[in-house]
Amino acid sequence: MQISFNGKRVVVAGGSRGIGRAIALGFAQAGAAVSICARGEAALRETEREIAAFGHPVHAAVCDLADGDAVRGYVASAAAALGGIDVLVNNASGFGRSDDEAGWEASISVDLMATVRASHTALPHLLASRGSMVHISSISGLTPSVRTPPYGAVKAALIQYTLTQAAALAAKGVRVNCVAPGSIEFPGGVWDQARQHNPALYKGILASIPSGRMGTAEEVANVVIFLCSDAARWVTGQTIAVDGGQMLS
């Protein structure tokens, strides 16, 4: 099975590092024109250069995804730059960990509301192209999340929102799916930091994964790309865990 996105236009909200970067590069490698956004300009421009190396159109913009107007403006500018949208991937996270006002605000404003706002802004373009959306949730939204209550609850909300969107949009030709990564390690990410600064936590999580290792960003990206491809044209409303069996233990 060969997957091609030649001529397709992909927007990745939160695409400069880790899982988002791997998703953006994977789509570009498959032939897509890609737009990414992020708060940090240095990583954004570096990933923009990596995407451009595949020889397809690329658009990148600094955007604080906690800012509603900024989200709407970014998606509109991406659609204008690419000439439309075939795929929207909502990847960013505020990583709200603490069960207090700040933790809840971080998760709700980025993980949930940025997804809602980007979806609303992209929808006219996705209806025109009969495109697809993928939201990046977490297995924390499928299991108890004692260390990070806001993060888990909001990731669960994304899974429910995926079901609602999929049901509402199926007859209009737009598919909506969700990917729930387990513990994914990449340079500078949460588990890379834990390995260096909280080895007890890192070893405990590693021991809970039957496959014996952390996942990679590329392994998550591969599932996202499949779900947005014609090979998955009969798949909508699904949440796929990419966790090496982590939830089985």
C-alpha atoms as a PDB file:
ATOM      1  CA  MET A   1       0.000   0.000   0.000  1.00  0.00           C
ATOM      2  CA  GLN A   2       1.423   3.355  -1.048  1.00  0.00           C
ATOM      3  CA  ILE A   3       0.145   6.552   0.521  1.00  0.00           C
ATOM      4  CA  SER A   4       0.433   9.765  -1.475  1.00  0.00           C
ATOM      5  CA  PHE A   5      -0.614  13.281  -0.562  1.00  0.00           C
ATOM      6  CA  ASN A   6       0.515  14.875  -3.808  1.00  0.00           C
ATOM      7  CA  GLY A   7      -1.510  18.044  -4.357  1.00  0.00           C
ATOM      8  CA  LYS A   8      -3.007  17.943  -0.849  1.00  0.00           C
ATOM      9  CA  ARG A   9      -2.854  20.792   1.654  1.00  0.00           C
ATOM     10  CA  VAL A  10      -2.179  19.963   5.299  1.00  0.00           C
ATOM     11  CA  VAL A  11      -2.354  22.226   8.352  1.00  0.00           C
ATOM     12  CA  VAL A  12      -0.669  21.078  11.575  1.00  0.00           C
ATOM     13  CA  ALA A  13      -1.500  23.240  14.579  1.00  0.00           C
ATOM     14  CA  GLY A  14       1.470  22.758  16.876  1.00  0.00           C
ATOM     15  CA  GLY A  15       4.016  21.431  14.400  1.00  0.00           C
ATOM     16  CA  SER A  16       7.518  22.563  15.291  1.00  0.00           C
ATOM     17  CA  ARG A  17       8.745  19.769  17.550  1.00  0.00           C
ATOM     18  CA  GLY A  18       8.077  16.245  18.707  1.00  0.00           C
ATOM     19  CA  ILE A  19       4.907  14.592  17.438  1.00  0.00           C
ATOM     20  CA  GLY A  20       3.751  17.655  15.499  1.00  0.00           C
ATOM     21  CA  ARG A  21       7.084  17.961  13.709  1.00  0.00           C
ATOM     22  CA  ALA A  22       7.047  14.264  12.795  1.00  0.00           C
ATOM     23  CA  ILE A  23       3.505  14.606  11.442  1.00  0.00           C
ATOM     24  CA  ALA A  24       4.387  17.659   9.348  1.00  0.00           C
ATOM     25  CA  LEU A  25       7.522  16.031   7.931  1.00  0.00           C
ATOM     26  CA  GLY A  26       5.645  12.815   7.192  1.00  0.00           C
ATOM     27  CA  PHE A  27       3.003  14.634   5.186  1.00  0.00           C
ATOM     28  CA  ALA A  28       5.654  16.625   3.316  1.00  0.00           C
ATOM     29  CA  GLN A  29       7.541  13.438   2.511  1.00  0.00           C
ATOM     30  CA  ALA A  30       4.285  12.020   1.117  1.00  0.00           C
ATOM     31  CA  GLY A  31       3.965  15.007  -1.231  1.00  0.00           C
ATOM     32  CA  ALA A  32       1.748  17.456   0.651  1.00  0.00           C
ATOM     33  CA  ALA A  33       1.977  21.210   0.941  1.00  0.00           C
ATOM     34  CA  VAL A  34       2.199  21.814   4.693  1.00  0.00           C
ATOM     35  CA  SER A  35       1.514  24.656   7.107  1.00  0.00           C
ATOM     36  CA  ILE A  36       2.695  24.596  10.713  1.00  0.00           C
ATOM     37  CA  CYS A  37       2.451  26.939  13.662  1.00  0.00           C
ATOM     38  CA  ALA A  38       4.059  27.162  17.087  1.00  0.00           C
ATOM     39  CA  ARG A  39       4.829  29.706  19.802  1.00  0.00           C
ATOM     40  CA  GLY A  40       8.614  29.420  19.586  1.00  0.00           C
ATOM     41  CA  GLU A  41      10.037  30.942  16.421  1.00  0.00           C
ATOM     42  CA  ALA A  42      13.460  29.268  16.440  1.00  0.00           C
ATOM     43  CA  ALA A  43      12.105  25.698  16.371  1.00  0.00           C
ATOM     44  CA  LEU A  44       9.359  26.770  13.970  1.00  0.00           C
ATOM     45  CA  ARG A  45      11.817  28.105  11.400  1.00  0.00           C
ATOM     46  CA  GLU A  46      14.074  25.068  11.707  1.00  0.00           C
ATOM     47  CA  THR A  47      11.151  22.714  11.040  1.00  0.00           C
ATOM     48  CA  GLU A  48      10.001  24.974   8.209  1.00  0.00           C
ATOM     49  CA  ARG A  49      13.397  24.480   6.567  1.00  0.00           C
ATOM     50  CA  GLU A  50      13.177  20.718   7.022  1.00  0.00           C
ATOM     51  CA  ILE A  51       9.741  20.634   5.403  1.00  0.00           C
ATOM     52  CA  ALA A  52      10.857  22.848   2.514  1.00  0.00           C
ATOM     53  CA  ALA A  53      13.645  20.372   1.717  1.00  0.00           C
ATOM     54  CA  PHE A  54      10.995  18.000   0.306  1.00  0.00           C
ATOM     55  CA  GLY A  55      10.291  20.549  -2.424  1.00  0.00           C
ATOM     56  CA  HIS A  56       6.624  21.270  -1.755  1.00  0.00           C
ATOM     57  CA  PRO A  57       4.968  24.516  -0.640  1.00  0.00           C
ATOM     58  CA  VAL A  58       5.360  25.324   3.038  1.00  0.00           C
ATOM     59  CA  HIS A  59       3.799  27.949   5.287  1.00  0.00           C
ATOM     60  CA  ALA A  60       4.803  28.626   8.897  1.00  0.00           C
ATOM     61  CA  ALA A  61       3.572  31.193  11.392  1.00  0.00           C
ATOM     62  CA  VAL A  62       4.175  32.027  15.033  1.00  0.00           C
ATOM     63  CA  CYS A  63       0.907  31.526  16.912  1.00  0.00           C
ATOM     64  CA  ASP A  64      -0.109  31.332  20.555  1.00  0.00           C
ATOM     65  CA  LEU A  65      -2.780  28.648  20.387  1.00  0.00           C
ATOM     66  CA  ALA A  66      -4.225  29.800  23.715  1.00  0.00           C
ATOM     67  CA  ASP A  67      -5.311  33.010  21.931  1.00  0.00           C
ATOM     68  CA  GLY A  68      -8.582  32.521  20.070  1.00  0.00           C
ATOM     69  CA  ASP A  69      -8.077  35.328  17.585  1.00  0.00           C
ATOM     70  CA  ALA A  70      -4.547  34.102  16.866  1.00  0.00           C
ATOM     71  CA  VAL A  71      -5.803  30.573  16.152  1.00  0.00           C
ATOM     72  CA  ARG A  72      -8.488  31.773  13.783  1.00  0.00           C
ATOM     73  CA  GLY A  73      -6.040  34.123  12.068  1.00  0.00           C
ATOM     74  CA  TYR A  74      -3.431  31.377  11.680  1.00  0.00           C
ATOM     75  CA  VAL A  75      -5.797  28.864  10.096  1.00  0.00           C
ATOM     76  CA  ALA A  76      -7.170  31.498   7.740  1.00  0.00           C
ATOM     77  CA  SER A  77      -3.642  32.520   6.705  1.00  0.00           C
ATOM     78  CA  ALA A  78      -2.661  28.884   6.189  1.00  0.00           C
ATOM     79  CA  ALA A  79      -5.686  28.288   3.939  1.00  0.00           C
ATOM     80  CA  ALA A  80      -4.813  31.396   1.924  1.00  0.00           C
ATOM     81  CA  ALA A  81      -1.165  30.403   1.582  1.00  0.00           C
ATOM     82  CA  LEU A  82      -1.898  26.803   0.579  1.00  0.00           C
ATOM     83  CA  GLY A  83      -4.980  27.522  -1.535  1.00  0.00           C
ATOM     84  CA  GLY A  84      -7.321  25.585   0.751  1.00  0.00           C
ATOM     85  CA  ILE A  85      -7.183  22.808   3.345  1.00  0.00           C
ATOM     86  CA  ASP A  86      -7.515  19.056   2.841  1.00  0.00           C
ATOM     87  CA  VAL A  87      -6.277  17.948   6.269  1.00  0.00           C
ATOM     88  CA  LEU A  88      -6.287  19.604   9.694  1.00  0.00           C
ATOM     89  CA  VAL A  89      -4.253  18.069  12.527  1.00  0.00           C
ATOM     90  CA  ASN A  90      -4.742  19.539  15.998  1.00  0.00           C
ATOM     91  CA  ASN A  91      -1.656  18.572  17.952  1.00  0.00           C
ATOM     92  CA  ALA A  92      -0.776  21.313  20.459  1.00  0.00           C
ATOM     93  CA  SER A  93      -1.014  20.825  24.216  1.00  0.00           C
ATOM     94  CA  GLY A  94      -0.792  23.175  27.168  1.00  0.00           C
ATOM     95  CA  PHE A  95       0.189  20.183  29.372  1.00  0.00           C
ATOM     96  CA  GLY A  96      -1.961  21.233  32.303  1.00  0.00           C
ATOM     97  CA  ARG A  97      -0.691  19.036  35.125  1.00  0.00           C
ATOM     98  CA  SER A  98      -1.774  20.575  38.437  1.00  0.00           C
ATOM     99  CA  ASP A  99      -5.340  20.259  39.738  1.00  0.00           C
ATOM    100  CA  ASP A 100      -5.736  23.995  40.167  1.00  0.00           C
ATOM    101  CA  GLU A 101      -6.946  26.982  38.169  1.00  0.00           C
ATOM    102  CA  ALA A 102      -3.660  27.316  36.273  1.00  0.00           C
ATOM    103  CA  GLY A 103      -3.540  23.643  35.299  1.00  0.00           C
ATOM    104  CA  TRP A 104      -7.121  23.603  34.073  1.00  0.00           C
ATOM    105  CA  GLU A 105      -6.734  26.875  32.188  1.00  0.00           C
ATOM    106  CA  ALA A 106      -3.624  25.601  30.389  1.00  0.00           C
ATOM    107  CA  SER A 107      -5.320  22.424  29.190  1.00  0.00           C
ATOM    108  CA  ILE A 108      -8.693  23.917  28.328  1.00  0.00           C
ATOM    109  CA  SER A 109      -7.325  26.914  26.428  1.00  0.00           C
ATOM    110  CA  VAL A 110      -4.895  24.965  24.240  1.00  0.00           C
ATOM    111  CA  ASP A 111      -5.822  21.275  24.106  1.00  0.00           C
ATOM    112  CA  LEU A 112      -9.559  21.850  23.843  1.00  0.00           C
ATOM    113  CA  MET A 113     -10.411  25.367  22.713  1.00  0.00           C
ATOM    114  CA  ALA A 114      -7.619  25.679  20.158  1.00  0.00           C
ATOM    115  CA  THR A 115      -8.952  22.468  18.612  1.00  0.00           C
ATOM    116  CA  VAL A 116     -12.502  23.807  18.562  1.00  0.00           C
ATOM    117  CA  ARG A 117     -11.449  27.149  17.088  1.00  0.00           C
ATOM    118  CA  ALA A 118      -9.151  25.663  14.454  1.00  0.00           C
ATOM    119  CA  SER A 119     -11.849  23.170  13.468  1.00  0.00           C
ATOM    120  CA  HIS A 120     -14.467  25.895  13.081  1.00  0.00           C
ATOM    121  CA  THR A 121     -12.167  28.044  10.957  1.00  0.00           C
ATOM    122  CA  ALA A 122     -10.969  25.177   8.771  1.00  0.00           C
ATOM    123  CA  LEU A 123     -14.387  23.595   8.267  1.00  0.00           C
ATOM    124  CA  PRO A 124     -15.521  25.557   5.185  1.00  0.00           C
ATOM    125  CA  HIS A 125     -12.296  24.547   3.450  1.00  0.00           C
ATOM    126  CA  LEU A 126     -12.623  20.918   4.558  1.00  0.00           C
ATOM    127  CA  LEU A 127     -16.210  20.803   3.319  1.00  0.00           C
ATOM    128  CA  ALA A 128     -15.050  22.088  -0.060  1.00  0.00           C
ATOM    129  CA  SER A 129     -12.274  19.495  -0.294  1.00  0.00           C
ATOM    130  CA  ARG A 130     -14.167  16.669   1.478  1.00  0.00           C
ATOM    131  CA  GLY A 131     -11.151  16.469   3.730  1.00  0.00           C
ATOM    132  CA  SER A 132     -10.379  15.107   7.166  1.00  0.00           C
ATOM    133  CA  MET A 133      -9.357  16.088  10.680  1.00  0.00           C
ATOM    134  CA  VAL A 134      -7.278  14.288  13.275  1.00  0.00           C
ATOM    135  CA  HIS A 135      -7.061  15.413  16.890  1.00  0.00           C
ATOM    136  CA  ILE A 136      -4.135  14.313  19.055  1.00  0.00           C
ATOM    137  CA  SER A 137      -5.444  13.160  22.423  1.00  0.00           C
ATOM    138  CA  SER A 138      -3.633  10.804  24.838  1.00  0.00           C
ATOM    139  CA  ILE A 139      -4.156   7.496  26.583  1.00  0.00           C
ATOM    140  CA  SER A 140      -4.522   9.750  29.641  1.00  0.00           C
ATOM    141  CA  GLY A 141      -7.974  10.519  28.234  1.00  0.00           C
ATOM    142  CA  LEU A 142      -8.847   6.810  28.294  1.00  0.00           C
ATOM    143  CA  THR A 143      -7.539   5.906  31.764  1.00  0.00           C
ATOM    144  CA  PRO A 144      -7.305   7.594  35.175  1.00  0.00           C
ATOM    145  CA  SER A 145      -4.830  10.475  35.131  1.00  0.00           C
ATOM    146  CA  VAL A 146      -3.867  10.868  38.779  1.00  0.00           C
ATOM    147  CA  ARG A 147      -0.642  12.823  38.163  1.00  0.00           C
ATOM    148  CA  THR A 148      -2.264  15.192  35.648  1.00  0.00           C
ATOM    149  CA  PRO A 149      -6.042  15.546  36.252  1.00  0.00           C
ATOM    150  CA  PRO A 150      -6.686  18.498  33.875  1.00  0.00           C
ATOM    151  CA  TYR A 151      -4.642  16.949  31.074  1.00  0.00           C
ATOM    152  CA  GLY A 152      -6.508  13.640  31.257  1.00  0.00           C
ATOM    153  CA  ALA A 153      -9.966  15.196  31.503  1.00  0.00           C
ATOM    154  CA  VAL A 154      -9.433  17.534  28.567  1.00  0.00           C
ATOM    155  CA  LYS A 155      -7.918  14.777  26.424  1.00  0.00           C
ATOM    156  CA  ALA A 156     -11.066  12.747  27.175  1.00  0.00           C
ATOM    157  CA  ALA A 157     -13.137  15.718  26.011  1.00  0.00           C
ATOM    158  CA  LEU A 158     -11.240  15.668  22.702  1.00  0.00           C
ATOM    159  CA  ILE A 159     -12.190  12.022  22.227  1.00  0.00           C
ATOM    160  CA  GLN A 160     -15.851  12.847  22.785  1.00  0.00           C
ATOM    161  CA  TYR A 161     -15.650  15.876  20.487  1.00  0.00           C
ATOM    162  CA  THR A 162     -14.195  13.633  17.804  1.00  0.00           C
ATOM    163  CA  LEU A 163     -17.280  11.404  18.006  1.00  0.00           C
ATOM    164  CA  THR A 164     -19.636  14.375  17.787  1.00  0.00           C
ATOM    165  CA  GLN A 165     -17.822  15.970  14.847  1.00  0.00           C
ATOM    166  CA  ALA A 166     -17.617  12.669  12.996  1.00  0.00           C
ATOM    167  CA  ALA A 167     -21.346  12.064  13.392  1.00  0.00           C
ATOM    168  CA  ALA A 168     -22.221  15.603  12.304  1.00  0.00           C
ATOM    169  CA  LEU A 169     -19.899  15.693   9.283  1.00  0.00           C
ATOM    170  CA  ALA A 170     -19.974  12.168   7.838  1.00  0.00           C
ATOM    171  CA  ALA A 171     -22.848  12.908   5.472  1.00  0.00           C
ATOM    172  CA  LYS A 172     -20.959  15.979   4.248  1.00  0.00           C
ATOM    173  CA  GLY A 173     -17.898  13.954   3.301  1.00  0.00           C
ATOM    174  CA  VAL A 174     -15.577  15.086   6.114  1.00  0.00           C
ATOM    175  CA  ARG A 175     -13.951  12.445   8.309  1.00  0.00           C
ATOM    176  CA  VAL A 176     -12.806  13.097  11.891  1.00  0.00           C
ATOM    177  CA  ASN A 177     -10.588  10.761  13.902  1.00  0.00           C
ATOM    178  CA  CYS A 178      -8.424  10.901  16.996  1.00  0.00           C
ATOM    179  CA  VAL A 179      -5.031   9.462  17.936  1.00  0.00           C
ATOM    180  CA  ALA A 180      -4.173   8.764  21.578  1.00  0.00           C
ATOM    181  CA  PRO A 181      -0.420   8.382  22.061  1.00  0.00           C
ATOM    182  CA  GLY A 182       1.051   6.653  25.065  1.00  0.00           C
ATOM    183  CA  SER A 183       4.441   7.670  26.454  1.00  0.00           C
ATOM    184  CA  ILE A 184       6.387   9.098  23.515  1.00  0.00           C
ATOM    185  CA  GLU A 185      10.015  10.152  23.897  1.00  0.00           C
ATOM    186  CA  PHE A 186      11.735  12.760  21.743  1.00  0.00           C
ATOM    187  CA  PRO A 187      14.475  15.335  22.372  1.00  0.00           C
ATOM    188  CA  GLY A 188      13.290  18.044  24.745  1.00  0.00           C
ATOM    189  CA  GLY A 189       9.952  16.337  25.361  1.00  0.00           C
ATOM    190  CA  VAL A 190       8.274  15.366  28.635  1.00  0.00           C
ATOM    191  CA  TRP A 191       9.823  11.898  28.812  1.00  0.00           C
ATOM    192  CA  ASP A 192      13.245  13.069  27.709  1.00  0.00           C
ATOM    193  CA  GLN A 193      13.106  15.555  30.577  1.00  0.00           C
ATOM    194  CA  ALA A 194      11.873  12.895  32.991  1.00  0.00           C
ATOM    195  CA  ARG A 195      14.707  10.546  32.011  1.00  0.00           C
ATOM    196  CA  GLN A 196      17.186  13.255  32.917  1.00  0.00           C
ATOM    197  CA  HIS A 197      15.537  14.826  35.954  1.00  0.00           C
ATOM    198  CA  ASN A 198      13.049  12.291  37.360  1.00  0.00           C
ATOM    199  CA  PRO A 199      14.548   8.860  36.678  1.00  0.00           C
ATOM    200  CA  ALA A 200      12.263   7.091  39.158  1.00  0.00           C
ATOM    201  CA  LEU A 201       9.164   8.218  37.263  1.00  0.00           C
ATOM    202  CA  TYR A 202      10.774   7.437  33.912  1.00  0.00           C
ATOM    203  CA  LYS A 203      11.742   3.904  34.961  1.00  0.00           C
ATOM    204  CA  GLY A 204       8.311   3.272  36.461  1.00  0.00           C
ATOM    205  CA  ILE A 205       6.515   4.269  33.263  1.00  0.00           C
ATOM    206  CA  LEU A 206       8.991   2.350  31.119  1.00  0.00           C
ATOM    207  CA  ALA A 207       8.367  -0.779  33.201  1.00  0.00           C
ATOM    208  CA  SER A 208       4.615  -0.440  32.552  1.00  0.00           C
ATOM    209  CA  ILE A 209       4.991  -0.685  28.765  1.00  0.00           C
ATOM    210  CA  PRO A 210       4.812  -4.329  27.591  1.00  0.00           C
ATOM    211  CA  SER A 211       6.816  -3.516  24.468  1.00  0.00           C
ATOM    212  CA  GLY A 212       9.733  -2.515  26.685  1.00  0.00           C
ATOM    213  CA  ARG A 213      10.413   0.990  25.374  1.00  0.00           C
ATOM    214  CA  MET A 214       8.935   4.432  24.892  1.00  0.00           C
ATOM    215  CA  GLY A 215       7.299   5.190  21.556  1.00  0.00           C
ATOM    216  CA  THR A 216       8.662   7.543  18.915  1.00  0.00           C
ATOM    217  CA  ALA A 217       7.058  10.597  17.378  1.00  0.00           C
ATOM    218  CA  GLU A 218       7.308   8.988  13.942  1.00  0.00           C
ATOM    219  CA  GLU A 219       5.227   6.011  15.105  1.00  0.00           C
ATOM    220  CA  VAL A 220       2.415   8.380  16.038  1.00  0.00           C
ATOM    221  CA  ALA A 221       2.809  10.325  12.790  1.00  0.00           C
ATOM    222  CA  ASN A 222       2.460   7.152  10.722  1.00  0.00           C
ATOM    223  CA  VAL A 223      -0.977   6.471  12.197  1.00  0.00           C
ATOM    224  CA  VAL A 224      -2.107  10.063  11.678  1.00  0.00           C
ATOM    225  CA  ILE A 225      -1.020   9.970   8.036  1.00  0.00           C
ATOM    226  CA  PHE A 226      -2.836   6.675   7.467  1.00  0.00           C
ATOM    227  CA  LEU A 227      -6.060   8.035   8.995  1.00  0.00           C
ATOM    228  CA  CYS A 228      -5.970  11.067   6.689  1.00  0.00           C
ATOM    229  CA  SER A 229      -5.255   8.991   3.587  1.00  0.00           C
ATOM    230  CA  ASP A 230      -7.592   7.375   1.080  1.00  0.00           C
ATOM    231  CA  ALA A 231      -6.586   4.024   2.580  1.00  0.00           C
ATOM    232  CA  ALA A 232      -8.693   4.998   5.623  1.00  0.00           C
ATOM    233  CA  ARG A 233     -11.584   6.517   3.664  1.00  0.00           C
ATOM    234  CA  TRP A 234     -14.106   4.292   5.515  1.00  0.00           C
ATOM    235  CA  VAL A 235     -12.763   5.206   8.968  1.00  0.00           C
ATOM    236  CA  THR A 236     -14.321   8.031  10.977  1.00  0.00           C
ATOM    237  CA  GLY A 237     -15.160   8.708  14.606  1.00  0.00           C
ATOM    238  CA  GLN A 238     -12.380   6.456  15.868  1.00  0.00           C
ATOM    239  CA  THR A 239      -9.754   6.922  18.561  1.00  0.00           C
ATOM    240  CA  ILE A 240      -6.612   4.883  17.939  1.00  0.00           C
ATOM    241  CA  ALA A 241      -4.195   4.324  20.816  1.00  0.00           C
ATOM    242  CA  VAL A 242      -0.535   4.307  19.800  1.00  0.00           C
ATOM    243  CA  ASP A 243       1.063   3.047  22.991  1.00  0.00           C
ATOM    244  CA  GLY A 244       2.918  -0.227  22.481  1.00  0.00           C
ATOM    245  CA  GLY A 245       0.348  -1.937  24.710  1.00  0.00           C
ATOM    246  CA  GLN A 246       0.839   0.497  27.600  1.00  0.00           C
ATOM    247  CA  MET A 247      -2.853   0.433  28.529  1.00  0.00           C
ATOM    248  CA  LEU A 248      -2.781  -3.371  28.711  1.00  0.00           C
ATOM    249  CA  SER A 249      -0.603  -3.448  31.812  1.00  0.00           C
END
